[in-house]
Every structure is written in C-alpha cells, then in structure tokens.
Amino acid sequence: MLKMRLSMGGTKKRPVYKIVVADSRFPRDGRFIEKLGFYNPLLPKDKKERIGLDSERIKYWLGQGAQPTTRVARLLGENDIMPMPEKGNNPQKAIPKKDRKKADEGGEAKPKEEAKPAEAPKEEAKPAEAPKEEEKK
C-alpha cells in the first residue's frame, strides 16, 4: 500500500521533514518513491517557508491510491489540496479513570477537585502542652 508520510531529517532538536510517497512496509526514514515537499515545524505558521508542496504530483499520487497519514492530510487540508480531515477523538486523560466511565455513560465529567465531596473545616488543633519534668528532690 502506498502512503504519503513525513520522513524525518535535520539534526538533534531541529527536525525538518520531507513529505514523501513510500510503500507502507518501508522504514520511516528509509527508501521512498518520490519526494513531494517539505515541512519545517520550527518556523512560525505565517511564514511561507514552513511548508513547500508540489501540488500537481500530490494530486497524481492521490489519484494512484496513495493514502496520506493524518498529519500529512492536515497539511494538505490547510493548503486546500484535499478536504480537511475530521477531528479525531482525544482521550480524556485529564479526567480520573473512575469519572471517565461516568462521562462515557452520558454524565458530566467533573475535574478532580470538584469530584471529591466537600469536607467540613477541621477544628483547629490545640497545641499540645509540653510534659512537665518532675523535679527530683
């Protein structure tokens, strides 16, 4: 199966990606069929040097049955080459596990702080009196 995916390059802590068409069995940074563009995530979103695409070749490979990965599909959707993919389901990891089940059943999931019952304010502890030493006579 043909995939349009990102192939990582660059140096440590400075990634630069090539958008390539490759067989899905090939390694991520390994052999590919054709380079279709590049993506530099370190540049601001408003810079035109952030993404470079060869739209004619991308349309050709989409016509040949190449499937883009979710990240590449988003990049292509932002550049109006193909429709924007639907948003995925984000896991609700911030919600405690016991409250996640309630949220799945249709109940409102409450943040961790609100999930605990309110406790009555504790009485202030009186300082313990120091034991008096017995005087030896």
N, C-alpha and C. Protein backbone atom coordinates (compact mmCIF):
# COMPACT_ATOMS: atom_id res chain seq x y z
N MET A 1 0.83 -1.17 0.00
CA MET A 1 0.00 0.00 0.00
C MET A 1 0.88 1.24 0.00
N LEU A 2 0.54 2.22 -0.80
CA LEU A 2 1.30 3.46 -0.88
C LEU A 2 0.83 4.43 0.20
N LYS A 3 1.79 5.07 0.83
CA LYS A 3 1.49 6.05 1.88
C LYS A 3 2.19 7.36 1.56
N MET A 4 1.50 8.46 1.83
CA MET A 4 2.14 9.78 1.81
C MET A 4 2.40 10.11 3.26
N ARG A 5 3.67 10.25 3.61
CA ARG A 5 4.00 10.44 5.02
C ARG A 5 5.21 11.34 5.17
N LEU A 6 5.51 11.67 6.42
CA LEU A 6 6.65 12.51 6.74
C LEU A 6 7.88 11.64 6.98
N SER A 7 8.99 12.05 6.43
CA SER A 7 10.27 11.38 6.64
C SER A 7 11.17 12.39 7.35
N MET A 8 11.68 12.02 8.51
CA MET A 8 12.40 12.98 9.34
C MET A 8 13.84 13.15 8.90
N GLY A 9 14.29 14.38 8.97
CA GLY A 9 15.68 14.72 8.70
C GLY A 9 16.09 15.79 9.69
N GLY A 10 17.17 16.48 9.41
CA GLY A 10 17.63 17.54 10.30
C GLY A 10 18.59 17.00 11.34
N THR A 11 18.85 17.83 12.34
CA THR A 11 19.78 17.45 13.39
C THR A 11 19.03 17.27 14.70
N LYS A 12 19.78 16.96 15.74
CA LYS A 12 19.18 16.76 17.06
C LYS A 12 18.48 18.03 17.51
N LYS A 13 17.24 17.91 17.96
CA LYS A 13 16.41 19.01 18.44
C LYS A 13 16.03 20.01 17.34
N ARG A 14 16.32 19.73 16.09
CA ARG A 14 15.99 20.60 14.96
C ARG A 14 15.39 19.77 13.82
N PRO A 15 14.17 19.26 13.98
CA PRO A 15 13.62 18.39 12.94
C PRO A 15 13.19 19.16 11.70
N VAL A 16 13.39 18.55 10.56
CA VAL A 16 12.88 19.00 9.27
C VAL A 16 12.34 17.76 8.60
N TYR A 17 11.16 17.85 8.02
CA TYR A 17 10.53 16.67 7.43
C TYR A 17 10.41 16.81 5.93
N LYS A 18 10.56 15.67 5.22
CA LYS A 18 10.23 15.59 3.81
C LYS A 18 8.87 14.92 3.72
N ILE A 19 8.03 15.39 2.82
CA ILE A 19 6.77 14.72 2.54
C ILE A 19 7.05 13.81 1.36
N VAL A 20 6.90 12.50 1.58
CA VAL A 20 7.29 11.53 0.56
C VAL A 20 6.15 10.53 0.31
N VAL A 21 6.24 9.86 -0.84
CA VAL A 21 5.39 8.71 -1.14
C VAL A 21 6.27 7.49 -0.98
N ALA A 22 5.82 6.55 -0.17
CA ALA A 22 6.61 5.35 0.08
C ALA A 22 5.68 4.17 0.27
N ASP A 23 6.21 2.99 0.08
CA ASP A 23 5.47 1.77 0.40
C ASP A 23 5.36 1.72 1.93
N SER A 24 4.21 1.30 2.43
CA SER A 24 3.99 1.30 3.88
C SER A 24 4.91 0.32 4.60
N ARG A 25 5.52 -0.60 3.90
CA ARG A 25 6.42 -1.57 4.54
C ARG A 25 7.82 -1.03 4.71
N PHE A 26 8.16 0.09 4.05
CA PHE A 26 9.49 0.67 4.16
C PHE A 26 9.62 1.43 5.47
N PRO A 27 10.84 1.54 6.02
CA PRO A 27 11.04 2.31 7.25
C PRO A 27 10.70 3.79 7.06
N ARG A 28 10.41 4.45 8.17
CA ARG A 28 10.00 5.86 8.12
C ARG A 28 11.01 6.73 7.39
N ASP A 29 12.29 6.60 7.73
CA ASP A 29 13.32 7.43 7.11
C ASP A 29 14.07 6.68 6.02
N GLY A 30 13.52 5.56 5.59
CA GLY A 30 14.20 4.73 4.61
C GLY A 30 13.84 5.09 3.18
N ARG A 31 13.79 4.05 2.36
CA ARG A 31 13.57 4.21 0.93
C ARG A 31 12.19 4.79 0.66
N PHE A 32 12.11 5.68 -0.31
CA PHE A 32 10.83 6.25 -0.72
C PHE A 32 10.78 6.32 -2.23
N ILE A 33 9.59 6.51 -2.77
CA ILE A 33 9.41 6.54 -4.22
C ILE A 33 9.67 7.93 -4.78
N GLU A 34 9.07 8.95 -4.15
CA GLU A 34 9.23 10.31 -4.65
C GLU A 34 9.06 11.31 -3.50
N LYS A 35 9.84 12.39 -3.55
CA LYS A 35 9.70 13.47 -2.58
C LYS A 35 8.68 14.47 -3.13
N LEU A 36 7.69 14.81 -2.31
CA LEU A 36 6.61 15.69 -2.74
C LEU A 36 6.67 17.08 -2.11
N GLY A 37 7.48 17.26 -1.09
CA GLY A 37 7.56 18.56 -0.45
C GLY A 37 8.34 18.48 0.84
N PHE A 38 8.25 19.54 1.64
CA PHE A 38 8.95 19.58 2.91
C PHE A 38 8.07 20.28 3.94
N TYR A 39 8.43 20.10 5.21
CA TYR A 39 7.71 20.71 6.33
C TYR A 39 8.71 21.02 7.43
N ASN A 40 8.76 22.30 7.82
CA ASN A 40 9.67 22.73 8.89
C ASN A 40 8.83 23.23 10.06
N PRO A 41 8.60 22.41 11.09
CA PRO A 41 7.71 22.80 12.19
C PRO A 41 8.27 23.89 13.10
N LEU A 42 9.54 24.22 12.97
CA LEU A 42 10.14 25.22 13.86
C LEU A 42 9.83 26.65 13.43
N LEU A 43 9.44 26.84 12.18
CA LEU A 43 9.12 28.18 11.70
C LEU A 43 7.72 28.58 12.12
N PRO A 44 7.45 29.89 12.27
CA PRO A 44 6.09 30.32 12.61
C PRO A 44 5.09 29.96 11.51
N LYS A 45 3.82 29.81 11.89
CA LYS A 45 2.80 29.36 10.95
C LYS A 45 2.56 30.33 9.80
N ASP A 46 2.85 31.60 9.99
CA ASP A 46 2.57 32.57 8.93
C ASP A 46 3.68 32.66 7.88
N LYS A 47 4.81 32.01 8.09
CA LYS A 47 5.90 32.04 7.11
C LYS A 47 5.61 31.06 5.97
N LYS A 48 5.87 31.49 4.74
CA LYS A 48 5.62 30.61 3.60
C LYS A 48 6.71 29.53 3.46
N GLU A 49 7.86 29.71 4.10
CA GLU A 49 8.94 28.72 4.04
C GLU A 49 8.69 27.53 4.96
N ARG A 50 7.60 27.56 5.74
CA ARG A 50 7.29 26.47 6.67
C ARG A 50 6.90 25.19 5.93
N ILE A 51 6.11 25.32 4.87
CA ILE A 51 5.64 24.16 4.11
C ILE A 51 5.86 24.42 2.62
N GLY A 52 6.43 23.45 1.94
CA GLY A 52 6.58 23.52 0.49
C GLY A 52 5.99 22.25 -0.11
N LEU A 53 5.05 22.39 -1.05
CA LEU A 53 4.37 21.23 -1.63
C LEU A 53 4.37 21.30 -3.15
N ASP A 54 4.50 20.15 -3.79
CA ASP A 54 4.34 20.03 -5.23
C ASP A 54 2.93 19.51 -5.47
N SER A 55 1.98 20.43 -5.61
CA SER A 55 0.56 20.06 -5.61
C SER A 55 0.17 19.16 -6.79
N GLU A 56 0.79 19.35 -7.97
CA GLU A 56 0.46 18.50 -9.12
C GLU A 56 0.82 17.04 -8.85
N ARG A 57 2.00 16.82 -8.30
CA ARG A 57 2.44 15.45 -8.02
C ARG A 57 1.64 14.83 -6.88
N ILE A 58 1.25 15.67 -5.91
CA ILE A 58 0.43 15.16 -4.80
C ILE A 58 -0.91 14.69 -5.33
N LYS A 59 -1.54 15.49 -6.20
CA LYS A 59 -2.82 15.09 -6.80
C LYS A 59 -2.67 13.83 -7.63
N TYR A 60 -1.54 13.70 -8.35
CA TYR A 60 -1.29 12.49 -9.13
C TYR A 60 -1.25 11.26 -8.22
N TRP A 61 -0.48 11.34 -7.12
CA TRP A 61 -0.34 10.18 -6.23
C TRP A 61 -1.63 9.88 -5.49
N LEU A 62 -2.42 10.92 -5.16
CA LEU A 62 -3.73 10.65 -4.56
C LEU A 62 -4.62 9.91 -5.55
N GLY A 63 -4.52 10.25 -6.83
CA GLY A 63 -5.26 9.55 -7.88
C GLY A 63 -4.80 8.10 -8.06
N GLN A 64 -3.54 7.83 -7.75
CA GLN A 64 -3.00 6.47 -7.86
C GLN A 64 -3.33 5.63 -6.63
N GLY A 65 -3.97 6.23 -5.62
CA GLY A 65 -4.38 5.45 -4.45
C GLY A 65 -3.51 5.60 -3.22
N ALA A 66 -2.59 6.55 -3.23
CA ALA A 66 -1.74 6.77 -2.06
C ALA A 66 -2.59 7.37 -0.94
N GLN A 67 -2.44 6.82 0.26
CA GLN A 67 -3.20 7.28 1.42
C GLN A 67 -2.31 8.17 2.29
N PRO A 68 -2.71 9.43 2.55
CA PRO A 68 -1.90 10.28 3.43
C PRO A 68 -2.10 9.90 4.89
N THR A 69 -1.07 10.07 5.68
CA THR A 69 -1.21 9.88 7.13
C THR A 69 -2.01 11.06 7.68
N THR A 70 -2.42 11.00 8.92
CA THR A 70 -3.26 12.05 9.49
C THR A 70 -2.54 13.40 9.48
N ARG A 71 -1.26 13.42 9.81
CA ARG A 71 -0.51 14.68 9.83
C ARG A 71 -0.37 15.26 8.43
N VAL A 72 -0.06 14.42 7.46
CA VAL A 72 0.07 14.90 6.08
C VAL A 72 -1.30 15.35 5.55
N ALA A 73 -2.36 14.64 5.92
CA ALA A 73 -3.70 15.04 5.49
C ALA A 73 -4.05 16.42 6.03
N ARG A 74 -3.65 16.71 7.26
CA ARG A 74 -3.89 18.05 7.82
C ARG A 74 -3.11 19.10 7.06
N LEU A 75 -1.85 18.81 6.72
CA LEU A 75 -1.05 19.76 5.96
C LEU A 75 -1.66 20.01 4.58
N LEU A 76 -2.14 18.96 3.94
CA LEU A 76 -2.76 19.11 2.63
C LEU A 76 -4.09 19.84 2.73
N GLY A 77 -4.82 19.60 3.80
CA GLY A 77 -6.09 20.29 4.01
C GLY A 77 -5.89 21.77 4.25
N GLU A 78 -4.85 22.14 4.98
CA GLU A 78 -4.56 23.54 5.23
C GLU A 78 -4.18 24.27 3.95
N ASN A 79 -3.61 23.55 2.98
CA ASN A 79 -3.19 24.15 1.71
C ASN A 79 -4.22 23.93 0.61
N ASP A 80 -5.42 23.49 0.94
CA ASP A 80 -6.55 23.32 0.01
C ASP A 80 -6.25 22.37 -1.14
N ILE A 81 -5.44 21.36 -0.89
CA ILE A 81 -5.18 20.34 -1.91
C ILE A 81 -6.22 19.23 -1.79
N MET A 82 -6.64 18.95 -0.58
CA MET A 82 -7.70 17.96 -0.34
C MET A 82 -8.55 18.47 0.82
N PRO A 83 -9.75 17.91 1.02
CA PRO A 83 -10.57 18.39 2.15
C PRO A 83 -9.90 18.09 3.48
N MET A 84 -10.15 18.98 4.43
CA MET A 84 -9.56 18.84 5.77
C MET A 84 -10.14 17.59 6.44
N PRO A 85 -9.29 16.74 7.03
CA PRO A 85 -9.82 15.54 7.70
C PRO A 85 -10.62 15.90 8.94
N GLU A 86 -11.51 15.02 9.34
CA GLU A 86 -12.30 15.24 10.54
C GLU A 86 -11.40 15.14 11.77
N LYS A 87 -11.78 15.87 12.81
CA LYS A 87 -11.00 15.84 14.04
C LYS A 87 -11.19 14.49 14.71
N GLY A 88 -10.12 13.97 15.27
CA GLY A 88 -10.16 12.69 15.96
C GLY A 88 -10.70 12.82 17.37
N ASN A 89 -10.85 11.71 18.03
CA ASN A 89 -11.34 11.68 19.40
C ASN A 89 -10.14 11.74 20.34
N ASN A 90 -10.03 12.85 21.05
CA ASN A 90 -8.94 12.97 22.01
C ASN A 90 -9.27 12.18 23.26
N PRO A 91 -8.36 11.39 23.78
CA PRO A 91 -8.63 10.70 25.04
C PRO A 91 -8.76 11.70 26.17
N GLN A 92 -9.54 11.34 27.15
CA GLN A 92 -9.78 12.24 28.27
C GLN A 92 -8.88 11.87 29.44
N LYS A 93 -7.59 12.02 29.25
CA LYS A 93 -6.64 11.59 30.26
C LYS A 93 -6.62 12.50 31.48
N ALA A 94 -7.12 13.72 31.34
CA ALA A 94 -7.11 14.63 32.48
C ALA A 94 -8.17 14.25 33.50
N ILE A 95 -9.17 13.49 33.07
CA ILE A 95 -10.25 13.09 33.96
C ILE A 95 -9.84 11.80 34.66
N PRO A 96 -10.03 11.70 35.97
CA PRO A 96 -9.68 10.46 36.67
C PRO A 96 -10.43 9.27 36.08
N LYS A 97 -9.83 8.10 36.15
CA LYS A 97 -10.37 6.92 35.49
C LYS A 97 -11.78 6.58 35.97
N LYS A 98 -12.05 6.73 37.26
CA LYS A 98 -13.38 6.39 37.76
C LYS A 98 -14.44 7.35 37.21
N ASP A 99 -14.05 8.59 36.93
CA ASP A 99 -15.01 9.55 36.39
C ASP A 99 -15.15 9.44 34.88
N ARG A 100 -14.17 8.83 34.19
CA ARG A 100 -14.26 8.65 32.74
C ARG A 100 -15.43 7.77 32.37
N LYS A 101 -15.67 6.72 33.15
CA LYS A 101 -16.78 5.82 32.86
C LYS A 101 -18.11 6.55 32.95
N LYS A 102 -18.22 7.46 33.92
CA LYS A 102 -19.44 8.24 34.05
C LYS A 102 -19.62 9.15 32.84
N ALA A 103 -18.53 9.70 32.33
CA ALA A 103 -18.60 10.58 31.18
C ALA A 103 -19.01 9.80 29.93
N ASP A 104 -18.55 8.54 29.81
CA ASP A 104 -18.91 7.71 28.66
C ASP A 104 -20.39 7.35 28.69
N GLU A 105 -20.96 7.22 29.89
CA GLU A 105 -22.37 6.87 30.00
C GLU A 105 -23.27 8.06 29.75
N GLY A 106 -22.73 9.23 29.64
CA GLY A 106 -23.53 10.41 29.35
C GLY A 106 -23.55 11.43 30.46
N GLY A 107 -22.98 11.08 31.60
CA GLY A 107 -22.94 12.01 32.72
C GLY A 107 -21.85 13.04 32.52
N GLU A 108 -21.96 14.13 33.22
CA GLU A 108 -20.95 15.17 33.14
C GLU A 108 -19.72 14.72 33.92
N ALA A 109 -18.57 14.83 33.30
CA ALA A 109 -17.32 14.51 33.98
C ALA A 109 -16.83 15.76 34.69
N LYS A 110 -16.51 15.61 35.95
CA LYS A 110 -16.05 16.75 36.74
C LYS A 110 -14.55 16.67 36.91
N PRO A 111 -13.89 17.82 36.96
CA PRO A 111 -12.45 17.79 37.23
C PRO A 111 -12.18 17.17 38.59
N LYS A 112 -10.95 16.79 38.82
CA LYS A 112 -10.57 16.06 40.01
C LYS A 112 -10.92 16.80 41.29
N GLU A 113 -10.76 18.12 41.31
CA GLU A 113 -11.01 18.88 42.51
C GLU A 113 -12.49 18.88 42.89
N GLU A 114 -13.37 18.95 41.90
CA GLU A 114 -14.79 19.00 42.17
C GLU A 114 -15.38 17.62 42.46
N ALA A 115 -14.69 16.57 42.04
CA ALA A 115 -15.21 15.22 42.20
C ALA A 115 -15.24 14.80 43.67
N LYS A 116 -14.34 15.31 44.49
CA LYS A 116 -14.30 14.94 45.91
C LYS A 116 -15.40 15.68 46.67
N PRO A 117 -16.05 15.02 47.62
CA PRO A 117 -17.06 15.74 48.40
C PRO A 117 -16.39 16.79 49.28
N ALA A 118 -17.12 17.85 49.50
CA ALA A 118 -16.56 18.94 50.29
C ALA A 118 -16.46 18.50 51.75
N GLU A 119 -15.32 18.70 52.33
CA GLU A 119 -15.11 18.30 53.71
C GLU A 119 -15.38 19.49 54.62
N ALA A 120 -15.93 19.21 55.79
CA ALA A 120 -16.17 20.26 56.77
C ALA A 120 -14.83 20.75 57.28
N PRO A 121 -14.73 22.04 57.57
CA PRO A 121 -13.44 22.54 58.06
C PRO A 121 -13.10 21.89 59.40
N LYS A 122 -11.87 21.47 59.52
CA LYS A 122 -11.43 20.80 60.75
C LYS A 122 -11.22 21.83 61.85
N GLU A 123 -11.50 21.38 63.07
CA GLU A 123 -11.26 22.26 64.21
C GLU A 123 -9.76 22.46 64.35
N GLU A 124 -9.45 23.66 64.76
CA GLU A 124 -8.03 23.93 64.90
C GLU A 124 -7.46 23.10 66.04
N ALA A 125 -6.36 22.48 65.76
CA ALA A 125 -5.73 21.63 66.78
C ALA A 125 -5.08 22.52 67.83
N LYS A 126 -5.36 22.21 69.09
CA LYS A 126 -4.75 22.97 70.17
C LYS A 126 -3.32 22.48 70.35
N PRO A 127 -2.42 23.41 70.58
CA PRO A 127 -1.04 22.95 70.74
C PRO A 127 -0.92 22.06 71.97
N ALA A 128 -0.26 20.96 71.79
CA ALA A 128 -0.10 20.02 72.91
C ALA A 128 0.84 20.63 73.94
N GLU A 129 0.43 20.47 75.20
CA GLU A 129 1.25 21.02 76.26
C GLU A 129 2.47 20.13 76.44
N ALA A 130 3.57 20.78 76.60
CA ALA A 130 4.80 20.03 76.80
C ALA A 130 4.76 19.35 78.16
N PRO A 131 5.12 18.10 78.26
CA PRO A 131 5.08 17.43 79.57
C PRO A 131 6.08 18.08 80.53
N LYS A 132 5.59 18.29 81.72
CA LYS A 132 6.46 18.93 82.72
C LYS A 132 7.37 17.87 83.32
N GLU A 133 8.59 18.29 83.45
CA GLU A 133 9.55 17.34 84.04
C GLU A 133 9.38 17.39 85.55
N GLU A 134 9.37 16.20 86.10
CA GLU A 134 9.21 16.13 87.57
C GLU A 134 10.54 16.55 88.21
N GLU A 135 10.34 17.34 89.20
CA GLU A 135 11.53 17.81 89.90
C GLU A 135 11.97 16.77 90.91
N LYS A 136 13.20 16.45 90.89
CA LYS A 136 13.74 15.47 91.84
C LYS A 136 14.28 16.24 93.04
N LYS A 137 13.93 15.79 94.19
CA LYS A 137 14.39 16.46 95.41
C LYS A 137 15.35 15.61 96.17
